[in-house]
Amino acid sequence: MDLTGMIQNSEEQAEKQRLSKEEYAALKKQEREETWMQIDGQAQAVFQDGESLKKFLDFMAGQYNMPKVPNLLLLYAQNPEVQLVKSFDEWKKDRRSVRTGVHGYTYIINTEYEKDGEIRSGYAISKGYDITQTKGRPLEEQPQRDIHTLLEAVLKNQNIRLQIADNLPDKIQAQYIPNQRTVYVRNGMPEVVTFHAVNRELACAALDQHDGNYARNKVHAQAYCATYVLGKRYGVDVSGFDLGKVAGLQEQGQKDPQELRAFLNDVRTAAYGIRGHIERNLREPEQEFVTEELFSVGEGAKKQLGKEKKGKDQTER
């Protein structure tokens, strides 16, 4: 009987027992260095051209959960078809079991360890498993939403002020003004254009640190990519996007990998933040009054006033 789907990291534990403490530490250090080299190499590959960037953003849009950028890059390099990867323990908590004999994906997991009497956070290189490698109930299909419903979900209960502006300069569809923390939107545009324009400006707002250093030219490319991710996620037409110019700004991936990862992290922060807002509004519980019949509360037995006889020790209140 193969127990690999029931016991986590059995091979790693056996290897740890064979090596001395120093040898095992050196091995794990090498593993971390190789993993980060792979992440950095993939970050550069993503920006080679517009098509490469498009494919990666499609991958980001298709994730059911919201992985951090290092894991997005790692998973994309290993299998661009995965959609929901979690660690062994996370799947166990979700009451799903890893299928026998499957090989997981290199994956960074958060860890906690004790040092100097304090609990600290860290990370470890481990294995993650896609949902297709597990057994359990299938994921619920995400219903396709019409553009009007999506727009309502974007606009509702925003923490950024939204205002219609009919006097915007030509060719400006919408714009975030940082000192007013307001997004001004041109009225009367097609719904698809409005969806993209509002999301782009909300992405700019999400990247405003409110420290007085906001500059549109430092975030507009990231906001543009985040807008593409949202459009792709919800099935809105994205044929009008030109991602080649974004790749050009990043020198076709020749910039420092850490700078490229920081760019992608901004895209992730903005896109997944707006996505979370949309999802909350799409699944908002019903707000209408509903007649309750099955579990209505009865009035109980009625007492006749003045007829109750007081006991000897009962006092007036």
Protein backbone atom coordinates (compact mmCIF):
# COMPACT_ATOMS: atom_id res chain seq x y z
CA MET A 1 0.00 0.00 0.00
CA ASP A 2 1.38 3.40 -1.01
CA LEU A 3 1.11 5.85 1.89
CA THR A 4 2.48 8.93 0.09
CA GLY A 5 -0.99 10.46 0.00
CA MET A 6 -1.40 10.03 3.74
CA ILE A 7 2.00 10.93 5.19
CA GLN A 8 3.53 14.29 4.40
CA ASN A 9 7.19 14.64 3.40
CA SER A 10 8.06 11.00 4.10
CA GLU A 11 10.96 11.16 1.62
CA GLU A 12 12.24 14.38 3.20
CA GLN A 13 12.15 12.86 6.68
CA ALA A 14 14.13 9.83 5.50
CA GLU A 15 16.71 12.10 3.88
CA LYS A 16 16.97 14.17 7.05
CA GLN A 17 17.74 11.05 9.05
CA ARG A 18 20.54 10.04 6.65
CA LEU A 19 22.34 13.41 6.81
CA SER A 20 24.07 15.17 9.65
CA LYS A 21 22.55 18.39 10.95
CA GLU A 22 25.14 20.48 9.07
CA GLU A 23 24.72 18.52 5.83
CA TYR A 24 20.94 18.84 5.97
CA ALA A 25 21.16 22.61 6.62
CA ALA A 26 23.53 23.01 3.65
CA LEU A 27 21.18 20.98 1.46
CA LYS A 28 18.17 23.13 2.38
CA LYS A 29 20.17 26.31 1.79
CA GLN A 30 21.08 25.11 -1.69
CA GLU A 31 17.43 24.23 -2.30
CA ARG A 32 16.32 27.74 -1.34
CA GLU A 33 18.95 29.35 -3.57
CA GLU A 34 17.96 27.21 -6.55
CA THR A 35 14.28 27.95 -5.99
CA TRP A 36 14.84 31.71 -5.93
CA MET A 37 16.97 31.44 -9.07
CA GLN A 38 14.05 29.69 -10.75
CA ILE A 39 11.65 32.40 -9.54
CA ASP A 40 13.89 35.20 -10.80
CA GLY A 41 14.41 33.48 -14.14
CA GLN A 42 10.67 33.10 -14.60
CA ALA A 43 10.08 36.75 -13.67
CA GLN A 44 12.40 37.79 -16.49
CA ALA A 45 10.81 35.34 -18.94
CA VAL A 46 7.34 36.74 -18.23
CA PHE A 47 8.33 40.15 -19.62
CA GLN A 48 10.06 38.94 -22.80
CA ASP A 49 7.18 40.22 -24.92
CA GLY A 50 3.50 41.03 -24.78
CA GLU A 51 2.40 37.46 -25.45
CA SER A 52 4.54 36.08 -22.61
CA LEU A 53 3.09 38.64 -20.22
CA LYS A 54 -0.44 37.92 -21.42
CA LYS A 55 -0.07 34.20 -20.72
CA PHE A 56 1.20 34.83 -17.20
CA LEU A 57 -1.59 37.32 -16.43
CA ASP A 58 -4.10 34.76 -17.76
CA PHE A 59 -2.61 32.30 -15.27
CA MET A 60 -2.92 34.84 -12.45
CA ALA A 61 -6.54 35.49 -13.39
CA GLY A 62 -7.39 31.78 -13.38
CA GLN A 63 -6.28 31.03 -9.82
CA TYR A 64 -9.08 30.11 -7.42
CA ASN A 65 -7.07 31.27 -4.44
CA MET A 66 -4.71 34.25 -4.48
CA PRO A 67 -1.10 32.99 -4.25
CA LYS A 68 1.78 35.34 -3.61
CA VAL A 69 4.01 36.30 -6.53
CA PRO A 70 6.88 33.85 -5.80
CA ASN A 71 4.44 30.95 -5.81
CA LEU A 72 2.67 32.27 -8.91
CA LEU A 73 5.98 32.32 -10.76
CA LEU A 74 7.06 28.93 -9.42
CA LEU A 75 3.80 27.22 -10.30
CA TYR A 76 3.57 28.85 -13.72
CA ALA A 77 7.07 27.59 -14.55
CA GLN A 78 6.12 24.04 -13.56
CA ASN A 79 2.59 23.78 -14.96
CA PRO A 80 0.59 26.74 -16.32
CA GLU A 81 -2.58 24.64 -16.12
CA VAL A 82 -2.83 24.44 -12.31
CA GLN A 83 -5.59 26.52 -10.73
CA LEU A 84 -5.70 25.76 -7.01
CA VAL A 85 -2.52 24.62 -5.26
CA LYS A 86 -2.26 24.11 -1.51
CA SER A 87 0.09 22.35 0.85
CA PHE A 88 -0.58 18.84 2.13
CA ASP A 89 -1.78 20.15 5.49
CA GLU A 90 -4.04 22.76 3.91
CA TRP A 91 -5.78 20.11 1.83
CA LYS A 92 -6.11 17.96 4.93
CA LYS A 93 -7.87 20.82 6.73
CA ASP A 94 -10.19 21.09 3.74
CA ARG A 95 -10.98 17.38 4.14
CA ARG A 96 -9.39 16.43 0.85
CA SER A 97 -6.71 13.78 0.43
CA VAL A 98 -3.80 13.81 -2.00
CA ARG A 99 -4.05 11.07 -4.62
CA THR A 100 -1.66 8.15 -4.34
CA GLY A 101 1.54 8.41 -6.34
CA VAL A 102 1.21 12.02 -7.50
CA HIS A 103 4.22 14.32 -7.47
CA GLY A 104 3.57 17.76 -6.08
CA TYR A 105 4.93 21.09 -7.22
CA THR A 106 7.75 23.03 -5.61
CA TYR A 107 5.93 25.50 -3.44
CA ILE A 108 6.77 28.01 -0.71
CA ILE A 109 4.88 27.56 2.55
CA ASN A 110 4.73 29.83 5.58
CA THR A 111 6.25 28.44 8.76
CA GLU A 112 6.61 29.42 12.39
CA TYR A 113 9.62 28.70 14.56
CA GLU A 114 10.86 29.61 18.01
CA LYS A 115 14.01 31.65 18.52
CA ASP A 116 15.18 33.32 21.72
CA GLY A 117 11.85 32.46 23.33
CA GLU A 118 9.84 34.18 20.58
CA ILE A 119 7.62 32.71 17.87
CA ARG A 120 8.80 33.99 14.51
CA SER A 121 7.52 33.66 10.96
CA GLY A 122 9.51 32.21 8.11
CA TYR A 123 9.13 30.09 5.02
CA ALA A 124 10.17 26.70 3.74
CA ILE A 125 10.47 25.10 0.33
CA SER A 126 7.96 22.30 0.28
CA LYS A 127 5.44 20.66 -2.01
CA GLY A 128 2.07 21.92 -3.10
CA TYR A 129 -0.66 19.93 -4.80
CA ASP A 130 -3.19 21.06 -7.37
CA ILE A 131 -6.83 20.27 -6.74
CA THR A 132 -6.71 17.82 -9.67
CA GLN A 133 -4.21 15.80 -7.60
CA THR A 134 -6.63 15.43 -4.69
CA LYS A 135 -9.79 13.49 -3.96
CA GLY A 136 -12.97 15.17 -2.77
CA ARG A 137 -15.96 17.14 -3.93
CA PRO A 138 -15.40 19.10 -7.16
CA LEU A 139 -15.26 22.88 -7.02
CA GLU A 140 -18.47 24.73 -7.65
CA GLU A 141 -18.61 26.23 -11.11
CA GLN A 142 -18.37 30.02 -11.09
CA PRO A 143 -21.49 31.40 -12.79
CA GLN A 144 -20.90 33.72 -15.71
CA ARG A 145 -22.03 37.23 -14.75
CA ASP A 146 -23.30 39.80 -17.20
CA ILE A 147 -21.42 43.07 -17.51
CA HIS A 148 -24.15 45.08 -15.79
CA THR A 149 -24.01 42.83 -12.71
CA LEU A 150 -20.21 43.03 -12.67
CA LEU A 151 -20.27 46.82 -12.87
CA GLU A 152 -22.69 47.00 -9.96
CA ALA A 153 -20.39 44.74 -7.93
CA VAL A 154 -17.40 46.98 -8.69
CA LEU A 155 -19.15 50.23 -7.83
CA LYS A 156 -21.10 49.18 -4.75
CA ASN A 157 -19.78 50.10 -1.27
CA GLN A 158 -16.44 51.36 -2.54
CA ASN A 159 -14.11 52.89 0.03
CA ILE A 160 -12.88 55.20 -2.73
CA ARG A 161 -15.22 58.00 -3.70
CA LEU A 162 -16.63 57.65 -7.23
CA GLN A 163 -18.08 60.64 -9.04
CA ILE A 164 -19.51 61.19 -12.51
CA ALA A 165 -17.68 63.94 -14.36
CA ASP A 166 -18.93 65.22 -17.71
CA ASN A 167 -16.14 67.76 -18.07
CA LEU A 168 -13.15 65.40 -18.22
CA PRO A 169 -10.55 66.29 -20.85
CA ASP A 170 -10.77 64.49 -24.20
CA LYS A 171 -9.53 60.87 -24.26
CA ILE A 172 -9.73 60.56 -20.46
CA GLN A 173 -12.24 57.86 -19.57
CA ALA A 174 -11.72 58.03 -15.81
CA GLN A 175 -9.04 59.30 -13.45
CA TYR A 176 -8.02 58.88 -9.84
CA ILE A 177 -7.16 62.17 -8.11
CA PRO A 178 -5.04 61.31 -5.05
CA ASN A 179 -5.45 64.47 -2.95
CA GLN A 180 -9.23 64.05 -3.18
CA ARG A 181 -9.16 60.24 -3.00
CA THR A 182 -11.76 60.30 -5.73
CA VAL A 183 -12.17 58.51 -9.05
CA TYR A 184 -13.88 60.70 -11.63
CA VAL A 185 -15.68 58.74 -14.36
CA ARG A 186 -17.00 59.88 -17.71
CA ASN A 187 -20.69 59.09 -18.06
CA GLY A 188 -22.26 57.38 -21.07
CA MET A 189 -19.36 55.14 -22.12
CA PRO A 190 -20.02 51.53 -23.22
CA GLU A 191 -20.29 49.19 -20.23
CA VAL A 192 -17.14 47.21 -21.09
CA VAL A 193 -15.12 50.42 -21.40
CA THR A 194 -16.55 51.69 -18.11
CA PHE A 195 -15.70 48.40 -16.36
CA HIS A 196 -12.08 48.55 -17.48
CA ALA A 197 -11.67 52.29 -16.89
CA VAL A 198 -13.05 52.19 -13.35
CA ASN A 199 -10.98 49.13 -12.43
CA ARG A 200 -7.83 50.77 -13.79
CA GLU A 201 -8.37 53.83 -11.61
CA LEU A 202 -9.31 51.75 -8.57
CA ALA A 203 -6.06 49.87 -9.11
CA CYS A 204 -4.18 53.18 -9.13
CA ALA A 205 -5.94 54.09 -5.88
CA ALA A 206 -5.01 50.71 -4.37
CA LEU A 207 -1.34 51.45 -5.07
CA ASP A 208 -1.48 54.90 -3.48
CA GLN A 209 0.38 54.64 -0.17
CA HIS A 210 -1.09 57.98 1.01
CA ASP A 211 2.36 59.23 1.95
CA GLY A 212 2.43 62.16 -0.45
CA ASN A 213 4.66 60.34 -2.95
CA TYR A 214 1.97 59.01 -5.31
CA ALA A 215 2.85 59.49 -8.97
CA ARG A 216 0.61 58.13 -11.69
CA ASN A 217 3.50 57.30 -14.01
CA LYS A 218 4.91 54.95 -11.35
CA VAL A 219 1.77 52.81 -11.10
CA HIS A 220 -0.18 53.16 -14.36
CA ALA A 221 1.44 50.12 -16.03
CA GLN A 222 0.74 47.93 -13.00
CA ALA A 223 -2.85 49.22 -12.88
CA TYR A 224 -3.25 48.45 -16.59
CA CYS A 225 -2.13 44.85 -16.03
CA ALA A 226 -4.41 44.49 -12.99
CA THR A 227 -7.32 45.68 -15.13
CA TYR A 228 -6.50 43.01 -17.70
CA VAL A 229 -6.44 40.33 -14.97
CA LEU A 230 -9.89 41.37 -13.74
CA GLY A 231 -11.34 41.43 -17.24
CA LYS A 232 -9.94 37.98 -17.95
CA ARG A 233 -11.18 36.64 -14.62
CA TYR A 234 -14.78 37.67 -15.25
CA GLY A 235 -14.98 36.98 -18.97
CA VAL A 236 -15.06 40.62 -20.05
CA ASP A 237 -13.60 41.41 -23.48
CA VAL A 238 -9.86 42.14 -23.18
CA SER A 239 -9.01 42.26 -26.89
CA GLY A 240 -8.28 45.99 -26.64
CA PHE A 241 -5.29 45.54 -24.32
CA ASP A 242 -1.75 45.95 -25.65
CA LEU A 243 0.57 44.25 -23.18
CA GLY A 244 3.55 44.58 -25.47
CA LYS A 245 4.07 48.17 -24.37
CA VAL A 246 4.21 47.02 -20.74
CA ALA A 247 6.89 44.45 -21.61
CA GLY A 248 8.77 47.24 -23.37
CA LEU A 249 8.71 49.41 -20.27
CA GLN A 250 10.25 46.51 -18.37
CA GLU A 251 13.00 46.22 -20.99
CA GLN A 252 11.75 42.81 -22.15
CA GLY A 253 12.65 41.33 -18.77
CA GLN A 254 16.21 42.63 -18.66
CA LYS A 255 15.60 44.63 -15.50
CA ASP A 256 16.65 43.38 -12.08
CA PRO A 257 14.47 40.35 -11.18
CA GLN A 258 13.57 41.86 -7.80
CA GLU A 259 12.25 44.95 -9.57
CA LEU A 260 10.19 42.77 -11.90
CA ARG A 261 8.80 40.80 -8.95
CA ALA A 262 7.91 44.08 -7.22
CA PHE A 263 6.02 45.13 -10.36
CA LEU A 264 4.09 41.85 -10.40
CA ASN A 265 3.39 42.17 -6.70
CA ASP A 266 1.73 45.54 -7.36
CA VAL A 267 -0.36 43.91 -10.09
CA ARG A 268 -1.37 41.13 -7.70
CA THR A 269 -2.17 43.53 -4.84
CA ALA A 270 -4.43 45.69 -6.99
CA ALA A 271 -6.11 42.92 -8.99
CA TYR A 272 -6.79 40.57 -6.09
CA GLY A 273 -7.92 43.45 -3.86
CA ILE A 274 -10.55 44.58 -6.37
CA ARG A 275 -11.48 40.96 -7.06
CA GLY A 276 -12.14 40.43 -3.35
CA HIS A 277 -14.45 43.45 -3.34
CA ILE A 278 -16.33 42.16 -6.40
CA GLU A 279 -16.70 38.67 -4.93
CA ARG A 280 -18.07 40.00 -1.65
CA ASN A 281 -20.73 41.98 -3.48
CA LEU A 282 -21.62 39.09 -5.79
CA ARG A 283 -22.29 36.77 -2.85
CA GLU A 284 -23.86 39.38 -0.57
CA PRO A 285 -26.69 37.78 1.46
CA GLU A 286 -30.24 38.72 0.68
CA GLN A 287 -31.38 41.98 2.25
CA GLU A 288 -35.13 41.62 1.74
CA PHE A 289 -37.65 40.71 4.46
CA VAL A 290 -38.61 37.03 4.29
CA THR A 291 -41.64 35.51 6.02
CA GLU A 292 -40.52 32.92 8.57
CA GLU A 293 -43.04 30.10 8.99
CA LEU A 294 -41.15 26.98 9.97
CA PHE A 295 -39.27 28.52 12.90
CA SER A 296 -41.58 31.33 13.94
CA VAL A 297 -41.76 31.92 17.71
CA GLY A 298 -45.12 31.45 19.46
CA GLU A 299 -46.59 33.88 21.97
CA GLY A 300 -46.65 31.38 24.85
CA ALA A 301 -49.34 31.04 27.54
CA LYS A 302 -51.02 34.29 28.55
CA LYS A 303 -51.45 35.06 32.27
CA GLN A 304 -54.61 36.64 33.64
CA LEU A 305 -53.69 39.86 35.38
CA GLY A 306 -54.72 40.14 39.03
CA LYS A 307 -55.63 36.45 39.35
CA GLU A 308 -52.21 35.11 40.38
CA LYS A 309 -52.00 34.25 44.07
CA LYS A 310 -48.85 35.34 45.89
CA GLY A 311 -46.93 32.87 48.02
CA LYS A 312 -46.10 33.58 51.63
CA ASP A 313 -42.52 34.62 50.90
CA GLN A 314 -43.26 36.45 47.65
CA THR A 315 -42.70 40.19 47.94
CA GLU A 316 -43.90 43.08 45.87
CA ARG A 317 -41.51 44.46 43.29
